[in-house]
Amino acid sequence: MAWSWRYEGANGDAVDGPAESFTSQADAESWIGQTWRELAASGVTSVALVEDDRVDYRMSLEPPAE
């Protein structure tokens, strides 16, 4: 099984991002924990963790509303 991230912009459309692939969910989550700030700065507003072709979950990279 291969894990990867799908990147989305403010309008929900797919945007380009690093084409990384991971052998485990833990590795993918560790990587996003280290790089989410750079992704957010480049215009990525949310990411989806994908296992092969199945979306496991989505996560916002935007700060929480106050």
N, C-alpha and C. Protein backbone atom coordinates (compact mmCIF):
# COMPACT_ATOMS: atom_id res chain seq x y z
N MET A 1 0.83 -1.18 0.00
CA MET A 1 0.00 0.00 0.00
C MET A 1 0.88 1.25 0.00
N ALA A 2 0.47 2.23 -0.77
CA ALA A 2 1.20 3.50 -0.83
C ALA A 2 0.30 4.61 -0.29
N TRP A 3 0.88 5.48 0.50
CA TRP A 3 0.18 6.62 1.06
C TRP A 3 0.74 7.89 0.43
N SER A 4 -0.14 8.85 0.17
CA SER A 4 0.30 10.13 -0.38
C SER A 4 -0.70 11.21 0.03
N TRP A 5 -0.31 12.46 -0.23
CA TRP A 5 -1.18 13.60 0.07
C TRP A 5 -1.69 14.22 -1.22
N ARG A 6 -2.94 14.60 -1.23
CA ARG A 6 -3.54 15.37 -2.32
C ARG A 6 -3.73 16.79 -1.78
N TYR A 7 -3.39 17.78 -2.59
CA TYR A 7 -3.38 19.16 -2.15
C TYR A 7 -4.54 19.93 -2.79
N GLU A 8 -5.20 20.80 -1.99
CA GLU A 8 -6.33 21.57 -2.49
C GLU A 8 -6.16 23.04 -2.15
N GLY A 9 -6.64 23.91 -3.05
CA GLY A 9 -6.60 25.34 -2.85
C GLY A 9 -7.87 25.85 -2.20
N ALA A 10 -7.98 27.17 -2.08
CA ALA A 10 -9.11 27.81 -1.40
C ALA A 10 -10.46 27.45 -2.02
N ASN A 11 -10.51 27.24 -3.33
CA ASN A 11 -11.77 26.91 -3.99
C ASN A 11 -12.05 25.41 -4.02
N GLY A 12 -11.19 24.61 -3.38
CA GLY A 12 -11.39 23.17 -3.34
C GLY A 12 -10.80 22.41 -4.50
N ASP A 13 -10.27 23.14 -5.49
CA ASP A 13 -9.65 22.48 -6.64
C ASP A 13 -8.27 21.96 -6.28
N ALA A 14 -7.85 20.94 -7.00
CA ALA A 14 -6.52 20.37 -6.79
C ALA A 14 -5.46 21.39 -7.18
N VAL A 15 -4.40 21.46 -6.38
CA VAL A 15 -3.25 22.31 -6.68
C VAL A 15 -1.99 21.45 -6.64
N ASP A 16 -0.95 21.94 -7.29
CA ASP A 16 0.30 21.20 -7.32
C ASP A 16 0.97 21.25 -5.96
N GLY A 17 1.65 20.16 -5.66
CA GLY A 17 2.42 20.06 -4.43
C GLY A 17 3.45 18.96 -4.58
N PRO A 18 4.26 18.74 -3.57
CA PRO A 18 5.29 17.71 -3.65
C PRO A 18 4.69 16.33 -3.92
N ALA A 19 5.29 15.60 -4.82
CA ALA A 19 4.82 14.25 -5.17
C ALA A 19 5.54 13.23 -4.30
N GLU A 20 5.18 13.21 -3.03
CA GLU A 20 5.79 12.29 -2.08
C GLU A 20 4.92 11.04 -1.94
N SER A 21 5.57 9.91 -1.70
CA SER A 21 4.86 8.65 -1.46
C SER A 21 5.48 8.00 -0.23
N PHE A 22 4.64 7.39 0.59
CA PHE A 22 5.08 6.84 1.87
C PHE A 22 4.61 5.39 2.01
N THR A 23 5.37 4.61 2.76
CA THR A 23 5.03 3.20 2.95
C THR A 23 4.06 2.98 4.10
N SER A 24 3.86 4.02 4.92
CA SER A 24 2.92 3.87 6.03
C SER A 24 2.18 5.18 6.27
N GLN A 25 1.04 5.06 6.91
CA GLN A 25 0.25 6.25 7.27
C GLN A 25 1.04 7.10 8.25
N ALA A 26 1.72 6.48 9.19
CA ALA A 26 2.51 7.23 10.18
C ALA A 26 3.59 8.07 9.52
N ASP A 27 4.26 7.52 8.52
CA ASP A 27 5.29 8.28 7.81
C ASP A 27 4.69 9.48 7.08
N ALA A 28 3.54 9.27 6.44
CA ALA A 28 2.87 10.37 5.73
C ALA A 28 2.44 11.46 6.70
N GLU A 29 1.90 11.08 7.85
CA GLU A 29 1.45 12.05 8.83
C GLU A 29 2.62 12.80 9.46
N SER A 30 3.72 12.12 9.68
CA SER A 30 4.93 12.77 10.20
C SER A 30 5.43 13.81 9.22
N TRP A 31 5.45 13.45 7.93
CA TRP A 31 5.92 14.38 6.89
C TRP A 31 5.04 15.62 6.83
N ILE A 32 3.71 15.44 6.85
CA ILE A 32 2.82 16.61 6.76
C ILE A 32 2.98 17.48 8.00
N GLY A 33 3.27 16.88 9.13
CA GLY A 33 3.50 17.64 10.35
C GLY A 33 4.72 18.54 10.25
N GLN A 34 5.68 18.14 9.44
CA GLN A 34 6.90 18.92 9.26
C GLN A 34 6.79 19.94 8.14
N THR A 35 5.88 19.75 7.19
CA THR A 35 5.85 20.61 6.00
C THR A 35 4.58 21.42 5.81
N TRP A 36 3.60 21.29 6.69
CA TRP A 36 2.32 21.94 6.46
C TRP A 36 2.44 23.46 6.38
N ARG A 37 3.34 24.06 7.13
CA ARG A 37 3.47 25.52 7.09
C ARG A 37 3.93 26.00 5.71
N GLU A 38 4.90 25.31 5.14
CA GLU A 38 5.37 25.67 3.80
C GLU A 38 4.28 25.47 2.76
N LEU A 39 3.52 24.40 2.90
CA LEU A 39 2.41 24.15 1.97
C LEU A 39 1.37 25.26 2.07
N ALA A 40 1.01 25.62 3.30
CA ALA A 40 0.02 26.67 3.51
C ALA A 40 0.51 28.00 2.94
N ALA A 41 1.79 28.28 3.10
CA ALA A 41 2.35 29.52 2.58
C ALA A 41 2.33 29.55 1.05
N SER A 42 2.32 28.38 0.42
CA SER A 42 2.31 28.32 -1.04
C SER A 42 0.89 28.27 -1.62
N GLY A 43 -0.14 28.38 -0.76
CA GLY A 43 -1.51 28.43 -1.25
C GLY A 43 -2.34 27.18 -1.03
N VAL A 44 -1.77 26.15 -0.43
CA VAL A 44 -2.53 24.93 -0.13
C VAL A 44 -3.37 25.22 1.11
N THR A 45 -4.67 25.04 1.02
CA THR A 45 -5.54 25.31 2.16
C THR A 45 -6.02 24.04 2.86
N SER A 46 -5.97 22.90 2.15
CA SER A 46 -6.34 21.63 2.76
C SER A 46 -5.62 20.50 2.04
N VAL A 47 -5.54 19.37 2.75
CA VAL A 47 -4.89 18.19 2.18
C VAL A 47 -5.78 16.98 2.43
N ALA A 48 -5.61 15.98 1.59
CA ALA A 48 -6.33 14.72 1.77
C ALA A 48 -5.30 13.60 1.79
N LEU A 49 -5.36 12.75 2.80
CA LEU A 49 -4.48 11.59 2.88
C LEU A 49 -5.09 10.48 2.05
N VAL A 50 -4.32 10.00 1.09
CA VAL A 50 -4.81 9.00 0.15
C VAL A 50 -4.01 7.71 0.29
N GLU A 51 -4.72 6.60 0.44
CA GLU A 51 -4.10 5.28 0.44
C GLU A 51 -4.48 4.63 -0.89
N ASP A 52 -3.48 4.42 -1.73
CA ASP A 52 -3.71 3.98 -3.10
C ASP A 52 -4.67 4.97 -3.77
N ASP A 53 -5.93 4.62 -4.01
CA ASP A 53 -6.88 5.56 -4.62
C ASP A 53 -8.00 5.97 -3.67
N ARG A 54 -7.92 5.54 -2.42
CA ARG A 54 -8.98 5.80 -1.43
C ARG A 54 -8.58 6.95 -0.52
N VAL A 55 -9.43 7.98 -0.40
CA VAL A 55 -9.18 9.08 0.53
C VAL A 55 -9.49 8.60 1.94
N ASP A 56 -8.48 8.65 2.81
CA ASP A 56 -8.65 8.24 4.20
C ASP A 56 -9.29 9.36 5.01
N TYR A 57 -8.75 10.58 4.88
CA TYR A 57 -9.36 11.74 5.52
C TYR A 57 -8.83 13.02 4.91
N ARG A 58 -9.55 14.13 5.17
CA ARG A 58 -9.14 15.47 4.74
C ARG A 58 -8.81 16.29 5.97
N MET A 59 -7.94 17.29 5.77
CA MET A 59 -7.54 18.14 6.88
C MET A 59 -7.25 19.55 6.37
N SER A 60 -7.75 20.54 7.07
CA SER A 60 -7.51 21.93 6.73
C SER A 60 -6.11 22.34 7.20
N LEU A 61 -5.46 23.21 6.43
CA LEU A 61 -4.20 23.79 6.84
C LEU A 61 -4.37 25.24 7.26
N GLU A 62 -5.61 25.70 7.28
CA GLU A 62 -5.90 27.08 7.68
C GLU A 62 -6.01 27.16 9.20
N PRO A 63 -5.66 28.33 9.76
CA PRO A 63 -5.79 28.49 11.21
C PRO A 63 -7.26 28.42 11.62
N PRO A 64 -7.52 27.99 12.84
CA PRO A 64 -8.91 27.91 13.29
C PRO A 64 -9.54 29.30 13.40
N ALA A 65 -10.83 29.37 13.16
CA ALA A 65 -11.56 30.64 13.27
C ALA A 65 -11.63 31.04 14.73
N GLU A 66 -11.56 32.33 14.96
CA GLU A 66 -11.61 32.80 16.37
C GLU A 66 -12.97 33.26 16.74
